[in-house]
Amino acid sequence: MNLRGYLAKMRGGGEGPPPVRPAEVGWSWLGSAVGIGLCGYVSARCCEPRDVSLMLGSFGASAVLIYGAVRSPLAQPRNLIGGHVLSALVGVASYHWLGGTLWLAAALAVSTAIAVMLLTRTLHPPGGATALIAVIGGTKIHVLGFLYPLFPVGVGALLLLLVAVVVNNIAAERTYPEYWL
């Protein structure tokens, strides 16, 4: 391919996304407020005295998918849970293997997490952040070691999923999940 053809591919030209109805905005807002709020509440009541938090940055991105893009394959339970837990395992392993060289451990954690999610059909983009957090999250995360994929990651993802199943099915025009496995 020549340079002109390569650059021509970057022009775009398709239409932008359609507008979102106000009711969809409201349901997405409600789901994410309750889901993230529940993680924060449980974290404050049960976890923070033990220096653990269910408030992971990657859960904010998961909220966008499971409450705002409910039909996306990336938002389905298999992807939410599998993507986070597998990526957390990869991140912890990368830190244990290469933690002395954080930049390398971080790069391998994210790239390997992507490969593992693709191979297991659990692609969930926030999983990349979950793997990265395992490497750069600091002492509180590092001390958890291989508990990190289960708690806080697995438990937090399950709480978000519980709220998604309840809230996304209240509205007649919404169905979640599209599939479980």
C-alpha atoms as a PDB file:
ATOM      1  CA  MET A   1       0.000   0.000   0.000  1.00  0.00           C
ATOM      2  CA  ASN A   2       1.316   3.438  -0.833  1.00  0.00           C
ATOM      3  CA  LEU A   3       1.375   6.395   1.541  1.00  0.00           C
ATOM      4  CA  ARG A   4      -1.535   8.121  -0.193  1.00  0.00           C
ATOM      5  CA  GLY A   5      -3.753   5.033   0.200  1.00  0.00           C
ATOM      6  CA  TYR A   6      -2.682   4.647   3.792  1.00  0.00           C
ATOM      7  CA  LEU A   7      -3.520   8.263   4.640  1.00  0.00           C
ATOM      8  CA  ALA A   8      -6.814   8.089   2.727  1.00  0.00           C
ATOM      9  CA  LYS A   9      -8.017   5.425   5.144  1.00  0.00           C
ATOM     10  CA  MET A  10      -7.819   7.995   7.940  1.00  0.00           C
ATOM     11  CA  ARG A  11     -10.307  10.435   6.392  1.00  0.00           C
ATOM     12  CA  GLY A  12     -13.355   8.754   7.820  1.00  0.00           C
ATOM     13  CA  GLY A  13     -16.457   9.856   5.998  1.00  0.00           C
ATOM     14  CA  GLY A  14     -19.067   7.764   7.765  1.00  0.00           C
ATOM     15  CA  GLU A  15     -21.894   9.251   9.753  1.00  0.00           C
ATOM     16  CA  GLY A  16     -21.596  10.041  13.435  1.00  0.00           C
ATOM     17  CA  PRO A  17     -23.591   8.139  16.029  1.00  0.00           C
ATOM     18  CA  PRO A  18     -27.335   8.709  16.237  1.00  0.00           C
ATOM     19  CA  PRO A  19     -28.691  10.877  19.045  1.00  0.00           C
ATOM     20  CA  VAL A  20     -29.583   9.162  22.308  1.00  0.00           C
ATOM     21  CA  ARG A  21     -33.115   9.505  23.667  1.00  0.00           C
ATOM     22  CA  PRO A  22     -33.448  11.272  27.034  1.00  0.00           C
ATOM     23  CA  ALA A  23     -34.910   8.124  28.649  1.00  0.00           C
ATOM     24  CA  GLU A  24     -31.768   6.163  27.699  1.00  0.00           C
ATOM     25  CA  VAL A  25     -29.619   8.895  29.209  1.00  0.00           C
ATOM     26  CA  GLY A  26     -31.658   8.713  32.410  1.00  0.00           C
ATOM     27  CA  TRP A  27     -31.428   4.920  32.732  1.00  0.00           C
ATOM     28  CA  SER A  28     -27.689   5.020  32.038  1.00  0.00           C
ATOM     29  CA  TRP A  29     -27.254   7.736  34.648  1.00  0.00           C
ATOM     30  CA  LEU A  30     -29.322   5.851  37.229  1.00  0.00           C
ATOM     31  CA  GLY A  31     -27.520   2.544  36.673  1.00  0.00           C
ATOM     32  CA  SER A  32     -24.071   4.052  36.905  1.00  0.00           C
ATOM     33  CA  ALA A  33     -24.956   6.143  39.966  1.00  0.00           C
ATOM     34  CA  VAL A  34     -26.347   3.109  41.795  1.00  0.00           C
ATOM     35  CA  GLY A  35     -23.590   0.712  40.618  1.00  0.00           C
ATOM     36  CA  ILE A  36     -20.638   2.940  41.444  1.00  0.00           C
ATOM     37  CA  GLY A  37     -22.431   4.151  44.579  1.00  0.00           C
ATOM     38  CA  LEU A  38     -22.913   0.560  45.753  1.00  0.00           C
ATOM     39  CA  CYS A  39     -19.222  -0.212  45.228  1.00  0.00           C
ATOM     40  CA  GLY A  40     -18.335   2.923  47.181  1.00  0.00           C
ATOM     41  CA  TYR A  41     -20.784   2.164  49.982  1.00  0.00           C
ATOM     42  CA  VAL A  42     -19.655  -1.449  50.386  1.00  0.00           C
ATOM     43  CA  SER A  43     -16.055  -0.303  50.231  1.00  0.00           C
ATOM     44  CA  ALA A  44     -16.575   2.317  52.940  1.00  0.00           C
ATOM     45  CA  ARG A  45     -18.474  -0.077  55.212  1.00  0.00           C
ATOM     46  CA  CYS A  46     -16.367  -3.208  54.784  1.00  0.00           C
ATOM     47  CA  CYS A  47     -13.074  -2.554  53.129  1.00  0.00           C
ATOM     48  CA  GLU A  48     -11.424   0.752  53.924  1.00  0.00           C
ATOM     49  CA  PRO A  49     -10.557  -0.111  57.518  1.00  0.00           C
ATOM     50  CA  ARG A  50      -8.528  -2.913  55.927  1.00  0.00           C
ATOM     51  CA  ASP A  51      -6.929  -0.581  53.349  1.00  0.00           C
ATOM     52  CA  VAL A  52      -8.749  -2.160  50.413  1.00  0.00           C
ATOM     53  CA  SER A  53     -11.140  -0.371  48.086  1.00  0.00           C
ATOM     54  CA  LEU A  54     -13.780  -1.522  45.637  1.00  0.00           C
ATOM     55  CA  MET A  55     -13.397   1.828  43.890  1.00  0.00           C
ATOM     56  CA  LEU A  56     -11.148   1.036  40.934  1.00  0.00           C
ATOM     57  CA  GLY A  57     -10.784   3.518  38.099  1.00  0.00           C
ATOM     58  CA  SER A  58     -11.453   0.773  35.572  1.00  0.00           C
ATOM     59  CA  PHE A  59     -14.936   0.300  37.073  1.00  0.00           C
ATOM     60  CA  GLY A  60     -15.854   3.786  35.838  1.00  0.00           C
ATOM     61  CA  ALA A  61     -15.165   2.646  32.296  1.00  0.00           C
ATOM     62  CA  SER A  62     -17.122  -0.571  32.901  1.00  0.00           C
ATOM     63  CA  ALA A  63     -20.065   1.549  34.045  1.00  0.00           C
ATOM     64  CA  VAL A  64     -20.041   3.357  30.693  1.00  0.00           C
ATOM     65  CA  LEU A  65     -20.366   0.016  28.907  1.00  0.00           C
ATOM     66  CA  ILE A  66     -22.801  -1.907  31.108  1.00  0.00           C
ATOM     67  CA  TYR A  67     -25.154   1.018  31.757  1.00  0.00           C
ATOM     68  CA  GLY A  68     -24.644   3.121  28.622  1.00  0.00           C
ATOM     69  CA  ALA A  69     -23.983   0.534  25.889  1.00  0.00           C
ATOM     70  CA  VAL A  70     -26.027  -2.396  27.194  1.00  0.00           C
ATOM     71  CA  ARG A  71     -26.212  -4.215  23.864  1.00  0.00           C
ATOM     72  CA  SER A  72     -22.500  -4.087  23.158  1.00  0.00           C
ATOM     73  CA  PRO A  73     -20.725  -7.452  23.227  1.00  0.00           C
ATOM     74  CA  LEU A  74     -18.081  -5.706  25.365  1.00  0.00           C
ATOM     75  CA  ALA A  75     -20.732  -5.011  28.049  1.00  0.00           C
ATOM     76  CA  GLN A  76     -22.035  -8.546  28.542  1.00  0.00           C
ATOM     77  CA  PRO A  77     -21.504 -10.433  31.836  1.00  0.00           C
ATOM     78  CA  ARG A  78     -18.946 -12.840  30.348  1.00  0.00           C
ATOM     79  CA  ASN A  79     -16.862  -9.894  29.213  1.00  0.00           C
ATOM     80  CA  LEU A  80     -17.348  -7.802  32.347  1.00  0.00           C
ATOM     81  CA  ILE A  81     -16.391 -10.510  34.832  1.00  0.00           C
ATOM     82  CA  GLY A  82     -13.978 -12.496  32.665  1.00  0.00           C
ATOM     83  CA  GLY A  83     -12.254  -9.424  31.291  1.00  0.00           C
ATOM     84  CA  HIS A  84     -11.632  -7.908  34.697  1.00  0.00           C
ATOM     85  CA  VAL A  85     -10.637 -11.089  36.539  1.00  0.00           C
ATOM     86  CA  LEU A  86      -8.364 -12.470  33.814  1.00  0.00           C
ATOM     87  CA  SER A  87      -6.726  -9.084  33.311  1.00  0.00           C
ATOM     88  CA  ALA A  88      -6.180  -8.738  37.045  1.00  0.00           C
ATOM     89  CA  LEU A  89      -4.477 -12.153  37.109  1.00  0.00           C
ATOM     90  CA  VAL A  90      -2.237 -11.139  34.217  1.00  0.00           C
ATOM     91  CA  GLY A  91      -1.430  -7.818  35.901  1.00  0.00           C
ATOM     92  CA  VAL A  92      -0.485  -9.438  39.203  1.00  0.00           C
ATOM     93  CA  ALA A  93       1.667 -12.032  37.431  1.00  0.00           C
ATOM     94  CA  SER A  94       3.393  -9.301  35.415  1.00  0.00           C
ATOM     95  CA  TYR A  95       4.129  -7.311  38.552  1.00  0.00           C
ATOM     96  CA  HIS A  96       5.510 -10.360  40.361  1.00  0.00           C
ATOM     97  CA  TRP A  97       7.650 -11.275  37.374  1.00  0.00           C
ATOM     98  CA  LEU A  98       8.905  -7.817  36.348  1.00  0.00           C
ATOM     99  CA  GLY A  99       7.930  -5.459  39.168  1.00  0.00           C
ATOM    100  CA  GLY A 100      11.451  -4.085  39.408  1.00  0.00           C
ATOM    101  CA  THR A 101      10.992  -2.613  35.949  1.00  0.00           C
ATOM    102  CA  LEU A 102       7.550  -1.034  36.181  1.00  0.00           C
ATOM    103  CA  TRP A 103       7.411   0.298  32.631  1.00  0.00           C
ATOM    104  CA  LEU A 104       8.051  -3.170  31.231  1.00  0.00           C
ATOM    105  CA  ALA A 105       5.690  -4.895  33.676  1.00  0.00           C
ATOM    106  CA  ALA A 106       2.977  -2.356  32.798  1.00  0.00           C
ATOM    107  CA  ALA A 107       3.425  -2.769  29.050  1.00  0.00           C
ATOM    108  CA  LEU A 108       3.384  -6.558  29.251  1.00  0.00           C
ATOM    109  CA  ALA A 109       0.429  -6.580  31.662  1.00  0.00           C
ATOM    110  CA  VAL A 110      -1.802  -4.538  29.361  1.00  0.00           C
ATOM    111  CA  SER A 111      -0.750  -6.189  26.107  1.00  0.00           C
ATOM    112  CA  THR A 112      -0.957  -9.707  27.549  1.00  0.00           C
ATOM    113  CA  ALA A 113      -4.338  -8.932  29.124  1.00  0.00           C
ATOM    114  CA  ILE A 114      -5.627  -7.874  25.695  1.00  0.00           C
ATOM    115  CA  ALA A 115      -4.338 -11.105  24.153  1.00  0.00           C
ATOM    116  CA  VAL A 116      -5.844 -13.248  26.934  1.00  0.00           C
ATOM    117  CA  MET A 117      -9.222 -11.488  26.671  1.00  0.00           C
ATOM    118  CA  LEU A 118      -9.247 -11.934  22.900  1.00  0.00           C
ATOM    119  CA  LEU A 119      -8.336 -15.616  23.162  1.00  0.00           C
ATOM    120  CA  THR A 120     -11.009 -16.262  25.804  1.00  0.00           C
ATOM    121  CA  ARG A 121     -13.675 -14.110  24.098  1.00  0.00           C
ATOM    122  CA  THR A 122     -13.909 -11.888  27.175  1.00  0.00           C
ATOM    123  CA  LEU A 123     -12.728  -8.589  25.670  1.00  0.00           C
ATOM    124  CA  HIS A 124     -13.703  -5.773  28.033  1.00  0.00           C
ATOM    125  CA  PRO A 125     -11.626  -2.614  27.427  1.00  0.00           C
ATOM    126  CA  PRO A 126     -11.585  -1.585  31.114  1.00  0.00           C
ATOM    127  CA  GLY A 127      -9.758  -4.874  31.746  1.00  0.00           C
ATOM    128  CA  GLY A 128      -6.641  -3.249  30.320  1.00  0.00           C
ATOM    129  CA  ALA A 129      -6.835  -0.643  33.073  1.00  0.00           C
ATOM    130  CA  THR A 130      -7.414  -3.368  35.669  1.00  0.00           C
ATOM    131  CA  ALA A 131      -4.182  -5.072  34.550  1.00  0.00           C
ATOM    132  CA  LEU A 132      -2.334  -1.758  34.647  1.00  0.00           C
ATOM    133  CA  ILE A 133      -3.640  -0.980  38.153  1.00  0.00           C
ATOM    134  CA  ALA A 134      -2.209  -4.315  39.354  1.00  0.00           C
ATOM    135  CA  VAL A 135       1.227  -3.084  38.289  1.00  0.00           C
ATOM    136  CA  ILE A 136       1.172   0.627  39.127  1.00  0.00           C
ATOM    137  CA  GLY A 137      -1.491   0.663  41.854  1.00  0.00           C
ATOM    138  CA  GLY A 138       0.992   0.973  44.681  1.00  0.00           C
ATOM    139  CA  THR A 139       1.669  -0.895  47.882  1.00  0.00           C
ATOM    140  CA  LYS A 140      -1.983  -1.442  48.884  1.00  0.00           C
ATOM    141  CA  ILE A 141      -2.635  -3.263  45.597  1.00  0.00           C
ATOM    142  CA  HIS A 142       0.714  -5.089  45.543  1.00  0.00           C
ATOM    143  CA  VAL A 143       0.200  -6.462  49.055  1.00  0.00           C
ATOM    144  CA  LEU A 144      -3.020  -8.139  47.895  1.00  0.00           C
ATOM    145  CA  GLY A 145      -1.088 -10.189  45.335  1.00  0.00           C
ATOM    146  CA  PHE A 146      -3.269 -12.864  43.746  1.00  0.00           C
ATOM    147  CA  LEU A 147      -6.169 -11.899  46.018  1.00  0.00           C
ATOM    148  CA  TYR A 148      -6.567  -8.725  43.894  1.00  0.00           C
ATOM    149  CA  PRO A 149      -8.368 -10.562  41.043  1.00  0.00           C
ATOM    150  CA  LEU A 150     -10.956 -11.885  43.497  1.00  0.00           C
ATOM    151  CA  PHE A 151     -11.212  -8.948  45.844  1.00  0.00           C
ATOM    152  CA  PRO A 152     -11.602  -6.120  44.990  1.00  0.00           C
ATOM    153  CA  VAL A 153     -11.830  -6.861  41.245  1.00  0.00           C
ATOM    154  CA  GLY A 154     -14.181  -9.869  41.146  1.00  0.00           C
ATOM    155  CA  VAL A 155     -16.457  -8.658  43.935  1.00  0.00           C
ATOM    156  CA  GLY A 156     -16.653  -5.138  42.516  1.00  0.00           C
ATOM    157  CA  ALA A 157     -17.453  -6.411  39.019  1.00  0.00           C
ATOM    158  CA  LEU A 158     -20.166  -8.678  40.455  1.00  0.00           C
ATOM    159  CA  LEU A 159     -21.756  -5.729  42.283  1.00  0.00           C
ATOM    160  CA  LEU A 160     -21.778  -3.694  39.065  1.00  0.00           C
ATOM    161  CA  LEU A 161     -23.319  -6.665  37.235  1.00  0.00           C
ATOM    162  CA  LEU A 162     -26.047  -7.110  39.849  1.00  0.00           C
ATOM    163  CA  VAL A 163     -27.090  -3.482  39.486  1.00  0.00           C
ATOM    164  CA  ALA A 164     -26.919  -3.702  35.680  1.00  0.00           C
ATOM    165  CA  VAL A 165     -29.249  -6.711  35.603  1.00  0.00           C
ATOM    166  CA  VAL A 166     -31.778  -4.991  37.865  1.00  0.00           C
ATOM    167  CA  VAL A 167     -31.716  -1.416  36.516  1.00  0.00           C
ATOM    168  CA  ASN A 168     -31.306  -2.225  32.822  1.00  0.00           C
ATOM    169  CA  ASN A 169     -34.397  -4.433  32.869  1.00  0.00           C
ATOM    170  CA  ILE A 170     -36.724  -1.954  34.592  1.00  0.00           C
ATOM    171  CA  ALA A 171     -37.238  -0.025  31.352  1.00  0.00           C
ATOM    172  CA  ALA A 172     -39.420  -1.892  28.852  1.00  0.00           C
ATOM    173  CA  GLU A 173     -37.153  -0.989  25.937  1.00  0.00           C
ATOM    174  CA  ARG A 174     -33.968  -2.265  27.582  1.00  0.00           C
ATOM    175  CA  THR A 175     -32.801  -5.854  27.919  1.00  0.00           C
ATOM    176  CA  TYR A 176     -29.668  -6.896  29.739  1.00  0.00           C
ATOM    177  CA  PRO A 177     -27.834  -9.104  29.306  1.00  0.00           C
ATOM    178  CA  GLU A 178     -27.954 -10.111  25.672  1.00  0.00           C
ATOM    179  CA  TYR A 179     -26.266 -13.382  26.753  1.00  0.00           C
ATOM    180  CA  TRP A 180     -24.497 -14.697  29.833  1.00  0.00           C
ATOM    181  CA  LEU A 181     -21.755 -16.966  28.487  1.00  0.00           C
END
